[in-house]
Amino acid sequence: MEDARRYDAYLEENPQGNYDHELADFLLELQDETGRRGKRAEDLLAQRLADGGVQ
């Protein structure tokens, strides 16, 4: 989840208002994917803990 938030810094426009649109699109996709994986990891961990841990 932390990595997904870190991509925001790369998506900010520079002082001239220019940025690489292709790179921005890629980073947005990466941010979404990283967020989904982080959420899945949290869900799986919560499920395991609720089930009493790994046997």
PDB file of N, CA and C in Angstrom:
ATOM      1  N   MET A   1       0.820  -1.183   0.000  1.00  0.00           N
ATOM      2  CA  MET A   1       0.000   0.000   0.000  1.00  0.00           C
ATOM      3  C   MET A   1       0.875   1.262   0.000  1.00  0.00           C
ATOM      4  N   GLU A   2       1.970   1.190   0.728  1.00  0.00           N
ATOM      5  CA  GLU A   2       2.858   2.347   0.788  1.00  0.00           C
ATOM      6  C   GLU A   2       3.420   2.679  -0.588  1.00  0.00           C
ATOM      7  N   ASP A   3       3.786   1.648  -1.351  1.00  0.00           N
ATOM      8  CA  ASP A   3       4.318   1.883  -2.698  1.00  0.00           C
ATOM      9  C   ASP A   3       3.286   2.546  -3.590  1.00  0.00           C
ATOM     10  N   ALA A   4       2.036   2.153  -3.467  1.00  0.00           N
ATOM     11  CA  ALA A   4       0.978   2.741  -4.292  1.00  0.00           C
ATOM     12  C   ALA A   4       0.873   4.242  -4.033  1.00  0.00           C
ATOM     13  N   ARG A   5       1.014   4.637  -2.782  1.00  0.00           N
ATOM     14  CA  ARG A   5       0.954   6.072  -2.458  1.00  0.00           C
ATOM     15  C   ARG A   5       2.185   6.814  -2.961  1.00  0.00           C
ATOM     16  N   ARG A   6       3.315   6.118  -3.001  1.00  0.00           N
ATOM     17  CA  ARG A   6       4.564   6.742  -3.430  1.00  0.00           C
ATOM     18  C   ARG A   6       4.503   7.193  -4.889  1.00  0.00           C
ATOM     19  N   TYR A   7       3.732   6.514  -5.715  1.00  0.00           N
ATOM     20  CA  TYR A   7       3.646   6.874  -7.127  1.00  0.00           C
ATOM     21  C   TYR A   7       3.028   8.250  -7.335  1.00  0.00           C
ATOM     22  N   ASP A   8       2.247   8.710  -6.371  1.00  0.00           N
ATOM     23  CA  ASP A   8       1.642  10.039  -6.491  1.00  0.00           C
ATOM     24  C   ASP A   8       2.697  11.118  -6.716  1.00  0.00           C
ATOM     25  N   ALA A   9       3.820  10.995  -6.034  1.00  0.00           N
ATOM     26  CA  ALA A   9       4.882  11.992  -6.165  1.00  0.00           C
ATOM     27  C   ALA A   9       5.399  12.060  -7.595  1.00  0.00           C
ATOM     28  N   TYR A  10       5.454  10.907  -8.263  1.00  0.00           N
ATOM     29  CA  TYR A  10       5.947  10.880  -9.637  1.00  0.00           C
ATOM     30  C   TYR A  10       4.934  11.446 -10.621  1.00  0.00           C
ATOM     31  N   LEU A  11       3.667  11.471 -10.214  1.00  0.00           N
ATOM     32  CA  LEU A  11       2.618  11.928 -11.118  1.00  0.00           C
ATOM     33  C   LEU A  11       2.382  13.435 -11.040  1.00  0.00           C
ATOM     34  N   GLU A  12       3.028  14.094 -10.090  1.00  0.00           N
ATOM     35  CA  GLU A  12       2.872  15.538  -9.985  1.00  0.00           C
ATOM     36  C   GLU A  12       3.550  16.227 -11.167  1.00  0.00           C
ATOM     37  N   GLU A  13       2.939  17.285 -11.624  1.00  0.00           N
ATOM     38  CA  GLU A  13       3.525  18.040 -12.732  1.00  0.00           C
ATOM     39  C   GLU A  13       4.756  18.785 -12.246  1.00  0.00           C
ATOM     40  N   ASN A  14       5.700  18.953 -13.177  1.00  0.00           N
ATOM     41  CA  ASN A  14       6.868  19.753 -12.820  1.00  0.00           C
ATOM     42  C   ASN A  14       6.476  21.233 -12.854  1.00  0.00           C
ATOM     43  N   PRO A  15       7.347  22.125 -12.403  1.00  0.00           N
ATOM     44  CA  PRO A  15       6.994  23.550 -12.344  1.00  0.00           C
ATOM     45  C   PRO A  15       6.530  24.140 -13.683  1.00  0.00           C
ATOM     46  N   GLN A  16       6.980  23.586 -14.802  1.00  0.00           N
ATOM     47  CA  GLN A  16       6.562  24.095 -16.103  1.00  0.00           C
ATOM     48  C   GLN A  16       5.218  23.506 -16.547  1.00  0.00           C
ATOM     49  N   GLY A  17       4.670  22.587 -15.764  1.00  0.00           N
ATOM     50  CA  GLY A  17       3.383  21.988 -16.106  1.00  0.00           C
ATOM     51  C   GLY A  17       3.484  20.873 -17.125  1.00  0.00           C
ATOM     52  N   ASN A  18       4.685  20.364 -17.350  1.00  0.00           N
ATOM     53  CA  ASN A  18       4.894  19.294 -18.324  1.00  0.00           C
ATOM     54  C   ASN A  18       5.187  17.986 -17.625  1.00  0.00           C
ATOM     55  N   TYR A  19       4.691  16.913 -18.208  1.00  0.00           N
ATOM     56  CA  TYR A  19       5.073  15.589 -17.752  1.00  0.00           C
ATOM     57  C   TYR A  19       4.816  14.602 -18.867  1.00  0.00           C
ATOM     58  N   ASP A  20       5.399  13.454 -18.740  1.00  0.00           N
ATOM     59  CA  ASP A  20       5.321  12.398 -19.741  1.00  0.00           C
ATOM     60  C   ASP A  20       4.006  11.644 -19.555  1.00  0.00           C
ATOM     61  N   HIS A  21       3.086  11.814 -20.507  1.00  0.00           N
ATOM     62  CA  HIS A  21       1.762  11.194 -20.390  1.00  0.00           C
ATOM     63  C   HIS A  21       1.832   9.666 -20.411  1.00  0.00           C
ATOM     64  N   GLU A  22       2.708   9.122 -21.224  1.00  0.00           N
ATOM     65  CA  GLU A  22       2.844   7.670 -21.284  1.00  0.00           C
ATOM     66  C   GLU A  22       3.340   7.130 -19.939  1.00  0.00           C
ATOM     67  N   LEU A  23       4.324   7.803 -19.363  1.00  0.00           N
ATOM     68  CA  LEU A  23       4.841   7.406 -18.061  1.00  0.00           C
ATOM     69  C   LEU A  23       3.769   7.573 -16.986  1.00  0.00           C
ATOM     70  N   ALA A  24       3.022   8.657 -17.046  1.00  0.00           N
ATOM     71  CA  ALA A  24       1.950   8.885 -16.072  1.00  0.00           C
ATOM     72  C   ALA A  24       0.899   7.785 -16.149  1.00  0.00           C
ATOM     73  N   ASP A  25       0.513   7.395 -17.363  1.00  0.00           N
ATOM     74  CA  ASP A  25      -0.463   6.309 -17.536  1.00  0.00           C
ATOM     75  C   ASP A  25       0.069   5.007 -16.946  1.00  0.00           C
ATOM     76  N   PHE A  26       1.331   4.716 -17.221  1.00  0.00           N
ATOM     77  CA  PHE A  26       1.950   3.510 -16.680  1.00  0.00           C
ATOM     78  C   PHE A  26       1.953   3.532 -15.157  1.00  0.00           C
ATOM     79  N   LEU A  27       2.338   4.664 -14.572  1.00  0.00           N
ATOM     80  CA  LEU A  27       2.396   4.756 -13.120  1.00  0.00           C
ATOM     81  C   LEU A  27       1.006   4.648 -12.492  1.00  0.00           C
ATOM     82  N   LEU A  28      -0.011   5.167 -13.158  1.00  0.00           N
ATOM     83  CA  LEU A  28      -1.375   5.011 -12.652  1.00  0.00           C
ATOM     84  C   LEU A  28      -1.794   3.547 -12.668  1.00  0.00           C
ATOM     85  N   GLU A  29      -1.462   2.835 -13.734  1.00  0.00           N
ATOM     86  CA  GLU A  29      -1.752   1.395 -13.794  1.00  0.00           C
ATOM     87  C   GLU A  29      -1.010   0.656 -12.692  1.00  0.00           C
ATOM     88  N   LEU A  30       0.260   1.002 -12.513  1.00  0.00           N
ATOM     89  CA  LEU A  30       1.085   0.371 -11.486  1.00  0.00           C
ATOM     90  C   LEU A  30       0.527   0.661 -10.096  1.00  0.00           C
ATOM     91  N   GLN A  31       0.089   1.881  -9.882  1.00  0.00           N
ATOM     92  CA  GLN A  31      -0.485   2.269  -8.603  1.00  0.00           C
ATOM     93  C   GLN A  31      -1.752   1.455  -8.323  1.00  0.00           C
ATOM     94  N   ASP A  32      -2.611   1.308  -9.314  1.00  0.00           N
ATOM     95  CA  ASP A  32      -3.838   0.522  -9.147  1.00  0.00           C
ATOM     96  C   ASP A  32      -3.519  -0.938  -8.836  1.00  0.00           C
ATOM     97  N   GLU A  33      -2.598  -1.500  -9.593  1.00  0.00           N
ATOM     98  CA  GLU A  33      -2.229  -2.907  -9.401  1.00  0.00           C
ATOM     99  C   GLU A  33      -1.605  -3.128  -8.024  1.00  0.00           C
ATOM    100  N   THR A  34      -0.735  -2.237  -7.620  1.00  0.00           N
ATOM    101  CA  THR A  34      -0.088  -2.348  -6.323  1.00  0.00           C
ATOM    102  C   THR A  34      -1.117  -2.232  -5.202  1.00  0.00           C
ATOM    103  N   GLY A  35      -2.061  -1.326  -5.371  1.00  0.00           N
ATOM    104  CA  GLY A  35      -3.118  -1.167  -4.377  1.00  0.00           C
ATOM    105  C   GLY A  35      -3.981  -2.411  -4.255  1.00  0.00           C
ATOM    106  N   ARG A  36      -4.320  -3.020  -5.400  1.00  0.00           N
ATOM    107  CA  ARG A  36      -5.121  -4.250  -5.381  1.00  0.00           C
ATOM    108  C   ARG A  36      -4.362  -5.386  -4.693  1.00  0.00           C
ATOM    109  N   ARG A  37      -3.092  -5.498  -4.981  1.00  0.00           N
ATOM    110  CA  ARG A  37      -2.292  -6.560  -4.360  1.00  0.00           C
ATOM    111  C   ARG A  37      -2.152  -6.337  -2.857  1.00  0.00           C
ATOM    112  N   GLY A  38      -1.965  -5.106  -2.454  1.00  0.00           N
ATOM    113  CA  GLY A  38      -1.877  -4.792  -1.034  1.00  0.00           C
ATOM    114  C   GLY A  38      -3.175  -5.119  -0.314  1.00  0.00           C
ATOM    115  N   LYS A  39      -4.296  -4.770  -0.926  1.00  0.00           N
ATOM    116  CA  LYS A  39      -5.603  -5.069  -0.342  1.00  0.00           C
ATOM    117  C   LYS A  39      -5.807  -6.569  -0.232  1.00  0.00           C
ATOM    118  N   ARG A  40      -5.421  -7.315  -1.250  1.00  0.00           N
ATOM    119  CA  ARG A  40      -5.552  -8.775  -1.218  1.00  0.00           C
ATOM    120  C   ARG A  40      -4.695  -9.368  -0.105  1.00  0.00           C
ATOM    121  N   ALA A  41      -3.479  -8.856   0.035  1.00  0.00           N
ATOM    122  CA  ALA A  41      -2.592  -9.339   1.096  1.00  0.00           C
ATOM    123  C   ALA A  41      -3.210  -9.079   2.469  1.00  0.00           C
ATOM    124  N   GLU A  42      -3.771  -7.894   2.668  1.00  0.00           N
ATOM    125  CA  GLU A  42      -4.422  -7.578   3.936  1.00  0.00           C
ATOM    126  C   GLU A  42      -5.597  -8.513   4.194  1.00  0.00           C
ATOM    127  N   ASP A  43      -6.402  -8.760   3.166  1.00  0.00           N
ATOM    128  CA  ASP A  43      -7.564  -9.646   3.303  1.00  0.00           C
ATOM    129  C   ASP A  43      -7.142 -11.070   3.644  1.00  0.00           C
ATOM    130  N   LEU A  44      -6.116 -11.569   2.956  1.00  0.00           N
ATOM    131  CA  LEU A  44      -5.645 -12.927   3.219  1.00  0.00           C
ATOM    132  C   LEU A  44      -5.082 -13.050   4.633  1.00  0.00           C
ATOM    133  N   LEU A  45      -4.317 -12.053   5.045  1.00  0.00           N
ATOM    134  CA  LEU A  45      -3.754 -12.073   6.391  1.00  0.00           C
ATOM    135  C   LEU A  45      -4.861 -12.028   7.443  1.00  0.00           C
ATOM    136  N   ALA A  46      -5.839 -11.165   7.246  1.00  0.00           N
ATOM    137  CA  ALA A  46      -6.954 -11.071   8.187  1.00  0.00           C
ATOM    138  C   ALA A  46      -7.710 -12.392   8.263  1.00  0.00           C
ATOM    139  N   GLN A  47      -7.900 -13.033   7.128  1.00  0.00           N
ATOM    140  CA  GLN A  47      -8.590 -14.328   7.093  1.00  0.00           C
ATOM    141  C   GLN A  47      -7.798 -15.381   7.863  1.00  0.00           C
ATOM    142  N   ARG A  48      -6.492 -15.412   7.641  1.00  0.00           N
ATOM    143  CA  ARG A  48      -5.643 -16.401   8.339  1.00  0.00           C
ATOM    144  C   ARG A  48      -5.663 -16.167   9.845  1.00  0.00           C
ATOM    145  N   LEU A  49      -5.598 -14.912  10.242  1.00  0.00           N
ATOM    146  CA  LEU A  49      -5.614 -14.594  11.671  1.00  0.00           C
ATOM    147  C   LEU A  49      -6.961 -14.950  12.294  1.00  0.00           C
ATOM    148  N   ALA A  50      -8.034 -14.725  11.566  1.00  0.00           N
ATOM    149  CA  ALA A  50      -9.373 -15.065  12.057  1.00  0.00           C
ATOM    150  C   ALA A  50      -9.537 -16.581  12.184  1.00  0.00           C
ATOM    151  N   ASP A  51      -8.846 -17.335  11.326  1.00  0.00           N
ATOM    152  CA  ASP A  51      -8.918 -18.804  11.355  1.00  0.00           C
ATOM    153  C   ASP A  51      -7.952 -19.417  12.358  1.00  0.00           C
ATOM    154  N   GLY A  52      -7.257 -18.581  13.118  1.00  0.00           N
ATOM    155  CA  GLY A  52      -6.331 -19.098  14.121  1.00  0.00           C
ATOM    156  C   GLY A  52      -4.909 -19.255  13.640  1.00  0.00           C
ATOM    157  N   GLY A  53      -4.593 -18.689  12.514  1.00  0.00           N
ATOM    158  CA  GLY A  53      -3.243 -18.764  11.982  1.00  0.00           C
ATOM    159  C   GLY A  53      -3.014 -19.968  11.101  1.00  0.00           C
ATOM    160  N   VAL A  54      -1.803 -20.112  10.645  1.00  0.00           N
ATOM    161  CA  VAL A  54      -1.427 -21.214   9.759  1.00  0.00           C
ATOM    162  C   VAL A  54      -1.131 -22.444  10.612  1.00  0.00           C
ATOM    163  N   GLN A  55      -1.667 -23.553  10.214  1.00  0.00           N
ATOM    164  CA  GLN A  55      -1.476 -24.809  10.974  1.00  0.00           C
ATOM    165  C   GLN A  55      -0.229 -25.522  10.517  1.00  0.00           C
TER     166      GLN A  55
END
